[in-house]
């Protein structure tokens, strides 16, 4: 069909007037319009003729959707939406109304965007969060990962069924076995279920805190975000160059606030005993065993320790 607007703008031409009548006849006998008339016999033809542009839009957008070129190339007036016609009675007379309705592709994109907005990343590669997850690949890539992956699946299902507890997971293992990837999977799955989450790459976060020392508003906003999110993941804890201020005045208060309220998760190359040694030593003050123990008292009782065993996948895949 040619553009209805083009036809209407050229009505002074007799040939065009004849063509407009052909277009009108074609439109009123289109299968979609005939179906609409069959479903709403109370809507007489004179009323339909008043809404020819609306009918044209309805038919044209249905045609576009039938041969959908993809969401980014959607030719409809309102991308990702199509015209939906309804018949409603107003003033005692039935009339035709148009509403723009999101297609399934747009609904899926909107859903993914809502999920993405629930997840905040500090210095973690966004591609790990956005590229999607293949559960068969997660479980099957390295059979030695199966016990840890199974426990992760169980944790996710428990939260979906019973809600959050104050207990998180401490996932540790050697380099490149997929710890960050698995925690991002957990974060994504629980974001789908409606929970907000933050993942923090510890080495970069501790370095960034140095610049926040002179920006109290930014520091407070960051700390409040980490305190109040539903799920908090400290990624690669133990790899950071720790300083006393970051440990005692940032990390400590965050964990102190969360420990009886919301779960905190960790990935590390260290088992818990090794992490305690790491937290007891800072570049400025050297070893302070009691301060490391104080922090571990906010970690150990509130996590289930899960060891991830497997081959180093770095350079072979994204995990």
C-alpha atoms as a PDB file:
ATOM      1  CA  UNK A   1       0.000   0.000   0.000  1.00  0.00           C
ATOM      2  CA  UNK A   2       1.088   3.549  -0.643  1.00  0.00           C
ATOM      3  CA  UNK A   3       1.137   6.069   2.151  1.00  0.00           C
ATOM      4  CA  UNK A   4      -2.337   7.139   3.248  1.00  0.00           C
ATOM      5  CA  UNK A   5      -0.943  10.605   3.906  1.00  0.00           C
ATOM      6  CA  UNK A   6       0.279  10.904   0.317  1.00  0.00           C
ATOM      7  CA  UNK A   7      -3.128   9.973  -1.008  1.00  0.00           C
ATOM      8  CA  UNK A   8      -4.975  12.419   1.225  1.00  0.00           C
ATOM      9  CA  UNK A   9      -2.629  15.273   0.287  1.00  0.00           C
ATOM     10  CA  UNK A  10      -3.342  14.743  -3.405  1.00  0.00           C
ATOM     11  CA  UNK A  11      -7.135  14.540  -3.378  1.00  0.00           C
ATOM     12  CA  UNK A  12      -7.524  17.433  -5.874  1.00  0.00           C
ATOM     13  CA  UNK A  13      -6.252  15.161  -8.651  1.00  0.00           C
ATOM     14  CA  UNK A  14      -9.138  13.084 -10.177  1.00  0.00           C
ATOM     15  CA  UNK A  15      -6.832  10.138 -10.809  1.00  0.00           C
ATOM     16  CA  UNK A  16      -5.692  10.243  -7.223  1.00  0.00           C
ATOM     17  CA  UNK A  17      -9.281  10.446  -6.001  1.00  0.00           C
ATOM     18  CA  UNK A  18     -10.004   7.290  -7.952  1.00  0.00           C
ATOM     19  CA  UNK A  19      -6.932   5.637  -6.483  1.00  0.00           C
ATOM     20  CA  UNK A  20      -7.967   6.708  -2.993  1.00  0.00           C
ATOM     21  CA  UNK A  21     -11.282   4.924  -3.440  1.00  0.00           C
ATOM     22  CA  UNK A  22      -9.409   1.803  -4.532  1.00  0.00           C
ATOM     23  CA  UNK A  23      -7.155   2.113  -1.517  1.00  0.00           C
ATOM     24  CA  UNK A  24     -10.150   2.582   0.757  1.00  0.00           C
ATOM     25  CA  UNK A  25     -11.851  -0.499  -0.694  1.00  0.00           C
ATOM     26  CA  UNK A  26      -8.658  -2.515  -0.367  1.00  0.00           C
ATOM     27  CA  UNK A  27      -8.249  -1.410   3.218  1.00  0.00           C
ATOM     28  CA  UNK A  28     -11.823  -2.153   4.286  1.00  0.00           C
ATOM     29  CA  UNK A  29     -11.541  -5.622   2.782  1.00  0.00           C
ATOM     30  CA  UNK A  30      -8.172  -6.457   4.304  1.00  0.00           C
ATOM     31  CA  UNK A  31      -8.343  -9.644   6.366  1.00  0.00           C
ATOM     32  CA  UNK A  32      -7.406  -7.832   9.587  1.00  0.00           C
ATOM     33  CA  UNK A  33     -10.131  -5.221   9.104  1.00  0.00           C
ATOM     34  CA  UNK A  34     -12.672  -7.882   8.142  1.00  0.00           C
ATOM     35  CA  UNK A  35     -11.805  -9.781  11.302  1.00  0.00           C
ATOM     36  CA  UNK A  36     -12.229  -6.609  13.342  1.00  0.00           C
ATOM     37  CA  UNK A  37     -15.638  -6.004  11.777  1.00  0.00           C
ATOM     38  CA  UNK A  38     -16.694  -9.601  12.435  1.00  0.00           C
ATOM     39  CA  UNK A  39     -15.713  -9.289  16.093  1.00  0.00           C
ATOM     40  CA  UNK A  40     -17.482  -5.945  16.449  1.00  0.00           C
ATOM     41  CA  UNK A  41     -20.606  -5.887  14.273  1.00  0.00           C
ATOM     42  CA  UNK A  42     -21.800  -2.870  16.263  1.00  0.00           C
ATOM     43  CA  UNK A  43     -19.130  -0.790  14.520  1.00  0.00           C
ATOM     44  CA  UNK A  44     -20.734   0.332  11.262  1.00  0.00           C
ATOM     45  CA  UNK A  45     -18.862   1.097   8.065  1.00  0.00           C
ATOM     46  CA  UNK A  46     -19.386   4.851   8.308  1.00  0.00           C
ATOM     47  CA  UNK A  47     -17.511   4.874  11.582  1.00  0.00           C
ATOM     48  CA  UNK A  48     -14.695   2.837  10.057  1.00  0.00           C
ATOM     49  CA  UNK A  49     -14.423   5.321   7.183  1.00  0.00           C
ATOM     50  CA  UNK A  50     -13.823   8.080   9.712  1.00  0.00           C
ATOM     51  CA  UNK A  51     -10.761   6.191  10.886  1.00  0.00           C
ATOM     52  CA  UNK A  52      -9.133   5.176   7.620  1.00  0.00           C
ATOM     53  CA  UNK A  53      -5.693   6.532   8.624  1.00  0.00           C
ATOM     54  CA  UNK A  54      -5.938   4.558  11.840  1.00  0.00           C
ATOM     55  CA  UNK A  55      -6.909   1.412   9.964  1.00  0.00           C
ATOM     56  CA  UNK A  56      -4.069   1.958   7.535  1.00  0.00           C
ATOM     57  CA  UNK A  57      -1.578   2.284  10.390  1.00  0.00           C
ATOM     58  CA  UNK A  58      -2.957  -0.876  11.962  1.00  0.00           C
ATOM     59  CA  UNK A  59      -2.606  -2.921   8.765  1.00  0.00           C
ATOM     60  CA  UNK A  60       0.781  -1.471   7.795  1.00  0.00           C
ATOM     61  CA  UNK A  61       2.350  -2.112  11.191  1.00  0.00           C
ATOM     62  CA  UNK A  62       0.954  -5.652  11.279  1.00  0.00           C
ATOM     63  CA  UNK A  63       2.645  -6.208   7.909  1.00  0.00           C
ATOM     64  CA  UNK A  64       5.920  -4.822   9.272  1.00  0.00           C
ATOM     65  CA  UNK A  65       5.726  -7.128  12.277  1.00  0.00           C
ATOM     66  CA  UNK A  66       5.042 -10.159  10.090  1.00  0.00           C
ATOM     67  CA  UNK A  67       8.401  -9.606   8.390  1.00  0.00           C
ATOM     68  CA  UNK A  68      10.167  -8.179  11.456  1.00  0.00           C
ATOM     69  CA  UNK A  69      13.698  -6.987  10.627  1.00  0.00           C
ATOM     70  CA  UNK A  70      14.676  -6.885  14.307  1.00  0.00           C
ATOM     71  CA  UNK A  71      14.085  -4.391  17.058  1.00  0.00           C
ATOM     72  CA  UNK A  72      16.820  -1.947  16.084  1.00  0.00           C
ATOM     73  CA  UNK A  73      15.499  -1.733  12.515  1.00  0.00           C
ATOM     74  CA  UNK A  74      11.808  -1.643  13.413  1.00  0.00           C
ATOM     75  CA  UNK A  75      10.028   0.535  10.784  1.00  0.00           C
ATOM     76  CA  UNK A  76       6.937   1.201  12.907  1.00  0.00           C
ATOM     77  CA  UNK A  77       6.250   4.743  14.062  1.00  0.00           C
ATOM     78  CA  UNK A  78       7.026   3.856  17.675  1.00  0.00           C
ATOM     79  CA  UNK A  79       9.967   1.445  17.642  1.00  0.00           C
ATOM     80  CA  UNK A  80       9.222  -1.897  19.234  1.00  0.00           C
ATOM     81  CA  UNK A  81       5.471  -1.214  19.314  1.00  0.00           C
ATOM     82  CA  UNK A  82       2.548  -1.928  17.034  1.00  0.00           C
ATOM     83  CA  UNK A  83      -0.930  -0.431  16.687  1.00  0.00           C
ATOM     84  CA  UNK A  84      -3.661  -2.325  18.496  1.00  0.00           C
ATOM     85  CA  UNK A  85      -7.272  -1.376  17.803  1.00  0.00           C
ATOM     86  CA  UNK A  86     -10.079  -1.681  20.318  1.00  0.00           C
ATOM     87  CA  UNK A  87     -13.749  -0.804  20.169  1.00  0.00           C
ATOM     88  CA  UNK A  88     -15.178   1.111  23.111  1.00  0.00           C
ATOM     89  CA  UNK A  89     -18.478   2.840  23.706  1.00  0.00           C
ATOM     90  CA  UNK A  90     -18.405   6.559  24.346  1.00  0.00           C
ATOM     91  CA  UNK A  91     -21.503   8.740  24.533  1.00  0.00           C
ATOM     92  CA  UNK A  92     -23.655   5.749  23.726  1.00  0.00           C
ATOM     93  CA  UNK A  93     -21.894   5.001  20.432  1.00  0.00           C
ATOM     94  CA  UNK A  94     -19.161   2.463  19.651  1.00  0.00           C
ATOM     95  CA  UNK A  95     -15.940   3.912  18.320  1.00  0.00           C
ATOM     96  CA  UNK A  96     -12.472   2.803  17.314  1.00  0.00           C
ATOM     97  CA  UNK A  97      -9.459   3.482  19.518  1.00  0.00           C
ATOM     98  CA  UNK A  98      -5.774   2.885  18.887  1.00  0.00           C
ATOM     99  CA  UNK A  99      -3.141   1.961  21.440  1.00  0.00           C
ATOM    100  CA  UNK A 100       0.555   1.402  20.924  1.00  0.00           C
ATOM    101  CA  UNK A 101       1.456  -2.023  22.290  1.00  0.00           C
ATOM    102  CA  UNK A 102       4.966  -3.335  22.981  1.00  0.00           C
ATOM    103  CA  UNK A 103       5.971  -6.353  20.911  1.00  0.00           C
ATOM    104  CA  UNK A 104       7.613  -9.408  22.455  1.00  0.00           C
ATOM    105  CA  UNK A 105      11.086  -8.256  21.444  1.00  0.00           C
ATOM    106  CA  UNK A 106      10.537  -4.900  23.150  1.00  0.00           C
ATOM    107  CA  UNK A 107       9.102  -6.583  26.236  1.00  0.00           C
ATOM    108  CA  UNK A 108      12.199  -8.809  26.431  1.00  0.00           C
ATOM    109  CA  UNK A 109      14.523  -5.824  26.023  1.00  0.00           C
ATOM    110  CA  UNK A 110      12.659  -3.857  28.691  1.00  0.00           C
ATOM    111  CA  UNK A 111      12.882  -6.834  31.022  1.00  0.00           C
ATOM    112  CA  UNK A 112      16.643  -7.111  30.482  1.00  0.00           C
ATOM    113  CA  UNK A 113      17.042  -3.396  31.067  1.00  0.00           C
ATOM    114  CA  UNK A 114      15.156  -3.641  34.384  1.00  0.00           C
ATOM    115  CA  UNK A 115      17.444  -6.496  35.389  1.00  0.00           C
ATOM    116  CA  UNK A 116      20.524  -4.519  34.354  1.00  0.00           C
ATOM    117  CA  UNK A 117      19.418  -1.528  36.446  1.00  0.00           C
ATOM    118  CA  UNK A 118      19.263  -3.756  39.528  1.00  0.00           C
ATOM    119  CA  UNK A 119      22.972  -4.578  39.192  1.00  0.00           C
ATOM    120  CA  UNK A 120      25.753  -2.111  39.962  1.00  0.00           C
ATOM    121  CA  UNK A 121      29.339  -2.897  39.067  1.00  0.00           C
ATOM    122  CA  UNK A 122      32.416  -1.255  40.540  1.00  0.00           C
ATOM    123  CA  UNK A 123      35.404  -1.977  38.287  1.00  0.00           C
ATOM    124  CA  UNK A 124      34.170  -5.392  37.100  1.00  0.00           C
ATOM    125  CA  UNK A 125      34.171  -5.943  33.333  1.00  0.00           C
ATOM    126  CA  UNK A 126      30.596  -5.227  32.204  1.00  0.00           C
ATOM    127  CA  UNK A 127      30.858  -7.912  29.523  1.00  0.00           C
ATOM    128  CA  UNK A 128      30.855 -10.579  32.219  1.00  0.00           C
ATOM    129  CA  UNK A 129      27.507  -9.232  33.411  1.00  0.00           C
ATOM    130  CA  UNK A 130      25.901  -8.641  30.019  1.00  0.00           C
ATOM    131  CA  UNK A 131      26.902 -11.492  27.712  1.00  0.00           C
ATOM    132  CA  UNK A 132      24.415 -14.005  29.082  1.00  0.00           C
ATOM    133  CA  UNK A 133      24.841 -17.393  30.688  1.00  0.00           C
ATOM    134  CA  UNK A 134      24.684 -20.921  29.366  1.00  0.00           C
ATOM    135  CA  UNK A 135      23.921 -23.241  32.258  1.00  0.00           C
ATOM    136  CA  UNK A 136      25.151 -26.297  30.350  1.00  0.00           C
ATOM    137  CA  UNK A 137      28.432 -24.507  29.703  1.00  0.00           C
ATOM    138  CA  UNK A 138      28.673 -23.445  33.348  1.00  0.00           C
ATOM    139  CA  UNK A 139      28.314 -26.991  34.587  1.00  0.00           C
ATOM    140  CA  UNK A 140      29.932 -28.886  31.742  1.00  0.00           C
ATOM    141  CA  UNK A 141      33.033 -26.825  30.943  1.00  0.00           C
ATOM    142  CA  UNK A 142      35.078 -28.522  33.680  1.00  0.00           C
ATOM    143  CA  UNK A 143      33.538 -31.461  35.626  1.00  0.00           C
ATOM    144  CA  UNK A 144      35.689 -30.630  38.649  1.00  0.00           C
ATOM    145  CA  UNK A 145      33.634 -27.469  39.121  1.00  0.00           C
ATOM    146  CA  UNK A 146      30.424 -29.473  39.566  1.00  0.00           C
ATOM    147  CA  UNK A 147      30.253 -29.497  43.410  1.00  0.00           C
ATOM    148  CA  UNK A 148      30.730 -25.709  43.648  1.00  0.00           C
ATOM    149  CA  UNK A 149      28.342 -24.995  40.783  1.00  0.00           C
ATOM    150  CA  UNK A 150      25.708 -27.288  42.290  1.00  0.00           C
ATOM    151  CA  UNK A 151      25.951 -25.427  45.588  1.00  0.00           C
ATOM    152  CA  UNK A 152      25.584 -22.121  43.772  1.00  0.00           C
ATOM    153  CA  UNK A 153      22.445 -23.382  42.020  1.00  0.00           C
ATOM    154  CA  UNK A 154      21.044 -24.527  45.367  1.00  0.00           C
ATOM    155  CA  UNK A 155      21.686 -21.149  46.930  1.00  0.00           C
ATOM    156  CA  UNK A 156      19.876 -19.376  44.095  1.00  0.00           C
ATOM    157  CA  UNK A 157      16.864 -21.679  44.349  1.00  0.00           C
ATOM    158  CA  UNK A 158      16.716 -21.293  48.134  1.00  0.00           C
ATOM    159  CA  UNK A 159      16.595 -17.508  47.816  1.00  0.00           C
ATOM    160  CA  UNK A 160      13.888 -17.702  45.154  1.00  0.00           C
ATOM    161  CA  UNK A 161      11.807 -19.991  47.356  1.00  0.00           C
ATOM    162  CA  UNK A 162      12.454 -18.552  50.828  1.00  0.00           C
ATOM    163  CA  UNK A 163      13.931 -15.065  50.372  1.00  0.00           C
ATOM    164  CA  UNK A 164      17.262 -13.647  51.470  1.00  0.00           C
ATOM    165  CA  UNK A 165      19.097 -14.726  54.583  1.00  0.00           C
ATOM    166  CA  UNK A 166      22.068 -12.968  56.189  1.00  0.00           C
ATOM    167  CA  UNK A 167      24.370 -15.759  55.052  1.00  0.00           C
ATOM    168  CA  UNK A 168      26.340 -15.520  51.821  1.00  0.00           C
ATOM    169  CA  UNK A 169      28.992 -17.618  50.069  1.00  0.00           C
ATOM    170  CA  UNK A 170      32.767 -17.496  50.188  1.00  0.00           C
ATOM    171  CA  UNK A 171      33.955 -18.899  46.872  1.00  0.00           C
ATOM    172  CA  UNK A 172      37.683 -19.553  46.715  1.00  0.00           C
ATOM    173  CA  UNK A 173      40.022 -21.318  44.363  1.00  0.00           C
ATOM    174  CA  UNK A 174      43.032 -20.871  42.131  1.00  0.00           C
ATOM    175  CA  UNK A 175      43.389 -18.315  39.347  1.00  0.00           C
ATOM    176  CA  UNK A 176      41.047 -18.417  36.366  1.00  0.00           C
ATOM    177  CA  UNK A 177      38.662 -21.148  37.509  1.00  0.00           C
ATOM    178  CA  UNK A 178      35.568 -18.987  36.970  1.00  0.00           C
ATOM    179  CA  UNK A 179      34.849 -17.531  40.403  1.00  0.00           C
ATOM    180  CA  UNK A 180      33.873 -14.067  39.154  1.00  0.00           C
ATOM    181  CA  UNK A 181      31.812 -15.524  36.333  1.00  0.00           C
ATOM    182  CA  UNK A 182      29.845 -17.754  38.704  1.00  0.00           C
ATOM    183  CA  UNK A 183      29.169 -14.918  41.122  1.00  0.00           C
ATOM    184  CA  UNK A 184      27.984 -12.743  38.245  1.00  0.00           C
ATOM    185  CA  UNK A 185      25.652 -15.586  37.285  1.00  0.00           C
ATOM    186  CA  UNK A 186      24.270 -15.649  40.832  1.00  0.00           C
ATOM    187  CA  UNK A 187      23.834 -11.880  40.748  1.00  0.00           C
ATOM    188  CA  UNK A 188      22.024 -12.025  37.410  1.00  0.00           C
ATOM    189  CA  UNK A 189      19.687 -14.850  38.406  1.00  0.00           C
ATOM    190  CA  UNK A 190      18.677 -13.113  41.622  1.00  0.00           C
ATOM    191  CA  UNK A 191      18.290  -9.782  39.814  1.00  0.00           C
ATOM    192  CA  UNK A 192      15.795 -11.574  37.566  1.00  0.00           C
ATOM    193  CA  UNK A 193      13.984 -12.520  40.769  1.00  0.00           C
ATOM    194  CA  UNK A 194      13.864  -8.840  41.771  1.00  0.00           C
ATOM    195  CA  UNK A 195      16.889  -8.382  44.039  1.00  0.00           C
ATOM    196  CA  UNK A 196      19.377  -5.545  43.732  1.00  0.00           C
ATOM    197  CA  UNK A 197      23.064  -6.350  43.722  1.00  0.00           C
ATOM    198  CA  UNK A 198      26.524  -4.811  43.675  1.00  0.00           C
ATOM    199  CA  UNK A 199      29.783  -6.447  42.629  1.00  0.00           C
ATOM    200  CA  UNK A 200      33.071  -4.777  43.586  1.00  0.00           C
ATOM    201  CA  UNK A 201      36.483  -5.658  42.196  1.00  0.00           C
ATOM    202  CA  UNK A 202      38.543  -5.184  45.342  1.00  0.00           C
ATOM    203  CA  UNK A 203      42.017  -4.254  43.995  1.00  0.00           C
ATOM    204  CA  UNK A 204      40.645  -1.318  41.972  1.00  0.00           C
ATOM    205  CA  UNK A 205      38.107  -0.358  44.634  1.00  0.00           C
ATOM    206  CA  UNK A 206      40.751   0.027  47.346  1.00  0.00           C
ATOM    207  CA  UNK A 207      42.854   2.195  45.027  1.00  0.00           C
ATOM    208  CA  UNK A 208      39.833   4.336  44.148  1.00  0.00           C
ATOM    209  CA  UNK A 209      39.064   4.878  47.827  1.00  0.00           C
ATOM    210  CA  UNK A 210      42.218   6.972  48.094  1.00  0.00           C
ATOM    211  CA  UNK A 211      40.701   9.603  45.818  1.00  0.00           C
ATOM    212  CA  UNK A 212      37.394   9.450  47.706  1.00  0.00           C
ATOM    213  CA  UNK A 213      39.069  10.483  50.955  1.00  0.00           C
ATOM    214  CA  UNK A 214      38.777  14.110  49.825  1.00  0.00           C
ATOM    215  CA  UNK A 215      35.240  13.731  48.453  1.00  0.00           C
ATOM    216  CA  UNK A 216      33.027  13.008  51.425  1.00  0.00           C
ATOM    217  CA  UNK A 217      29.761  13.040  49.455  1.00  0.00           C
ATOM    218  CA  UNK A 218      30.972  10.476  46.917  1.00  0.00           C
ATOM    219  CA  UNK A 219      32.418   8.284  49.653  1.00  0.00           C
ATOM    220  CA  UNK A 220      29.171   8.334  51.626  1.00  0.00           C
ATOM    221  CA  UNK A 221      27.117   7.546  48.529  1.00  0.00           C
ATOM    222  CA  UNK A 222      29.380   4.617  47.653  1.00  0.00           C
ATOM    223  CA  UNK A 223      29.412   3.191  51.175  1.00  0.00           C
ATOM    224  CA  UNK A 224      25.621   3.553  51.484  1.00  0.00           C
ATOM    225  CA  UNK A 225      25.170   1.710  48.185  1.00  0.00           C
ATOM    226  CA  UNK A 226      27.298  -1.178  49.419  1.00  0.00           C
ATOM    227  CA  UNK A 227      25.558  -1.256  52.773  1.00  0.00           C
ATOM    228  CA  UNK A 228      22.006  -1.273  51.479  1.00  0.00           C
ATOM    229  CA  UNK A 229      21.982  -3.412  48.324  1.00  0.00           C
ATOM    230  CA  UNK A 230      20.345  -6.816  48.676  1.00  0.00           C
ATOM    231  CA  UNK A 231      23.397  -8.733  47.459  1.00  0.00           C
ATOM    232  CA  UNK A 232      26.992  -7.551  47.795  1.00  0.00           C
ATOM    233  CA  UNK A 233      29.928  -9.330  46.185  1.00  0.00           C
ATOM    234  CA  UNK A 234      33.538  -8.497  47.041  1.00  0.00           C
ATOM    235  CA  UNK A 235      35.367  -9.933  44.055  1.00  0.00           C
ATOM    236  CA  UNK A 236      39.003 -11.033  44.379  1.00  0.00           C
ATOM    237  CA  UNK A 237      39.296 -10.026  48.019  1.00  0.00           C
ATOM    238  CA  UNK A 238      42.846 -10.627  49.182  1.00  0.00           C
ATOM    239  CA  UNK A 239      44.395  -9.286  45.969  1.00  0.00           C
ATOM    240  CA  UNK A 240      44.124  -5.627  47.017  1.00  0.00           C
ATOM    241  CA  UNK A 241      46.924  -3.516  48.468  1.00  0.00           C
ATOM    242  CA  UNK A 242      45.193  -2.854  51.760  1.00  0.00           C
ATOM    243  CA  UNK A 243      45.634   0.256  53.874  1.00  0.00           C
ATOM    244  CA  UNK A 244      44.425   0.781  57.470  1.00  0.00           C
ATOM    245  CA  UNK A 245      41.864   3.469  56.608  1.00  0.00           C
ATOM    246  CA  UNK A 246      40.165   1.394  53.891  1.00  0.00           C
ATOM    247  CA  UNK A 247      40.117  -1.678  56.116  1.00  0.00           C
ATOM    248  CA  UNK A 248      39.030  -0.065  59.397  1.00  0.00           C
ATOM    249  CA  UNK A 249      36.866   2.851  58.237  1.00  0.00           C
ATOM    250  CA  UNK A 250      35.290   1.595  55.013  1.00  0.00           C
ATOM    251  CA  UNK A 251      35.306  -2.199  54.751  1.00  0.00           C
ATOM    252  CA  UNK A 252      34.719  -2.749  58.479  1.00  0.00           C
ATOM    253  CA  UNK A 253      31.615  -0.515  58.765  1.00  0.00           C
ATOM    254  CA  UNK A 254      30.098  -1.985  55.590  1.00  0.00           C
ATOM    255  CA  UNK A 255      30.456  -5.529  56.905  1.00  0.00           C
ATOM    256  CA  UNK A 256      29.351  -4.513  60.379  1.00  0.00           C
ATOM    257  CA  UNK A 257      26.141  -3.064  58.953  1.00  0.00           C
ATOM    258  CA  UNK A 258      25.358  -6.027  56.710  1.00  0.00           C
ATOM    259  CA  UNK A 259      26.319  -8.975  58.912  1.00  0.00           C
ATOM    260  CA  UNK A 260      22.915  -9.464  60.563  1.00  0.00           C
ATOM    261  CA  UNK A 261      20.873  -7.985  57.730  1.00  0.00           C
ATOM    262  CA  UNK A 262      21.863  -9.017  54.210  1.00  0.00           C
ATOM    263  CA  UNK A 263      24.181 -11.551  52.590  1.00  0.00           C
ATOM    264  CA  UNK A 264      27.690 -10.677  51.464  1.00  0.00           C
ATOM    265  CA  UNK A 265      29.597 -12.834  48.991  1.00  0.00           C
ATOM    266  CA  UNK A 266      33.283 -13.142  48.258  1.00  0.00           C
ATOM    267  CA  UNK A 267      35.605 -14.558  45.664  1.00  0.00           C
ATOM    268  CA  UNK A 268      39.224 -15.092  46.597  1.00  0.00           C
ATOM    269  CA  UNK A 269      42.332 -17.066  45.837  1.00  0.00           C
ATOM    270  CA  UNK A 270      42.753 -17.523  49.596  1.00  0.00           C
ATOM    271  CA  UNK A 271      40.938 -19.903  51.926  1.00  0.00           C
ATOM    272  CA  UNK A 272      39.547 -18.103  54.985  1.00  0.00           C
ATOM    273  CA  UNK A 273      42.725 -18.678  57.000  1.00  0.00           C
ATOM    274  CA  UNK A 274      44.817 -17.044  54.330  1.00  0.00           C
ATOM    275  CA  UNK A 275      42.406 -14.132  54.052  1.00  0.00           C
ATOM    276  CA  UNK A 276      42.737 -13.454  57.776  1.00  0.00           C
ATOM    277  CA  UNK A 277      46.514 -13.149  57.376  1.00  0.00           C
ATOM    278  CA  UNK A 278      46.033 -10.780  54.470  1.00  0.00           C
ATOM    279  CA  UNK A 279      43.603  -8.573  56.394  1.00  0.00           C
ATOM    280  CA  UNK A 280      45.976  -8.446  59.349  1.00  0.00           C
ATOM    281  CA  UNK A 281      48.699  -6.758  57.306  1.00  0.00           C
ATOM    282  CA  UNK A 282      48.715  -3.282  55.761  1.00  0.00           C
ATOM    283  CA  UNK A 283      51.380  -1.475  53.812  1.00  0.00           C
ATOM    284  CA  UNK A 284      51.469   1.314  56.408  1.00  0.00           C
ATOM    285  CA  UNK A 285      51.205  -0.366  59.802  1.00  0.00           C
ATOM    286  CA  UNK A 286      52.500  -3.843  59.072  1.00  0.00           C
ATOM    287  CA  UNK A 287      50.918  -6.765  60.888  1.00  0.00           C
ATOM    288  CA  UNK A 288      47.977  -6.104  63.210  1.00  0.00           C
ATOM    289  CA  UNK A 289      46.578  -9.506  64.044  1.00  0.00           C
ATOM    290  CA  UNK A 290      43.692  -8.283  66.194  1.00  0.00           C
ATOM    291  CA  UNK A 291      42.382  -6.006  63.419  1.00  0.00           C
ATOM    292  CA  UNK A 292      42.446  -8.837  60.936  1.00  0.00           C
ATOM    293  CA  UNK A 293      40.582 -11.031  63.406  1.00  0.00           C
ATOM    294  CA  UNK A 294      38.021  -8.298  64.057  1.00  0.00           C
ATOM    295  CA  UNK A 295      37.219  -8.108  60.363  1.00  0.00           C
ATOM    296  CA  UNK A 296      37.101 -11.888  60.015  1.00  0.00           C
ATOM    297  CA  UNK A 297      34.507 -11.973  62.817  1.00  0.00           C
ATOM    298  CA  UNK A 298      32.282 -10.034  60.417  1.00  0.00           C
ATOM    299  CA  UNK A 299      32.982 -12.464  57.571  1.00  0.00           C
ATOM    300  CA  UNK A 300      33.446 -16.057  58.744  1.00  0.00           C
ATOM    301  CA  UNK A 301      30.168 -16.575  60.649  1.00  0.00           C
ATOM    302  CA  UNK A 302      28.122 -15.177  57.762  1.00  0.00           C
ATOM    303  CA  UNK A 303      29.366 -17.242  54.841  1.00  0.00           C
ATOM    304  CA  UNK A 304      29.360 -20.795  53.670  1.00  0.00           C
ATOM    305  CA  UNK A 305      32.793 -21.649  52.321  1.00  0.00           C
ATOM    306  CA  UNK A 306      32.766 -23.224  48.852  1.00  0.00           C
ATOM    307  CA  UNK A 307      35.959 -24.322  47.115  1.00  0.00           C
ATOM    308  CA  UNK A 308      36.037 -24.070  43.339  1.00  0.00           C
ATOM    309  CA  UNK A 309      38.365 -26.574  41.736  1.00  0.00           C
ATOM    310  CA  UNK A 310      39.143 -26.522  38.059  1.00  0.00           C
ATOM    311  CA  UNK A 311      41.438 -25.653  35.204  1.00  0.00           C
ATOM    312  CA  UNK A 312      42.600 -22.094  34.585  1.00  0.00           C
ATOM    313  CA  UNK A 313      40.282 -20.941  31.787  1.00  0.00           C
ATOM    314  CA  UNK A 314      41.825 -17.526  31.185  1.00  0.00           C
ATOM    315  CA  UNK A 315      42.780 -17.068  27.605  1.00  0.00           C
ATOM    316  CA  UNK A 316      40.490 -19.948  26.664  1.00  0.00           C
ATOM    317  CA  UNK A 317      37.105 -18.408  27.502  1.00  0.00           C
ATOM    318  CA  UNK A 318      35.441 -15.500  29.220  1.00  0.00           C
ATOM    319  CA  UNK A 319      35.422 -17.248  32.638  1.00  0.00           C
END
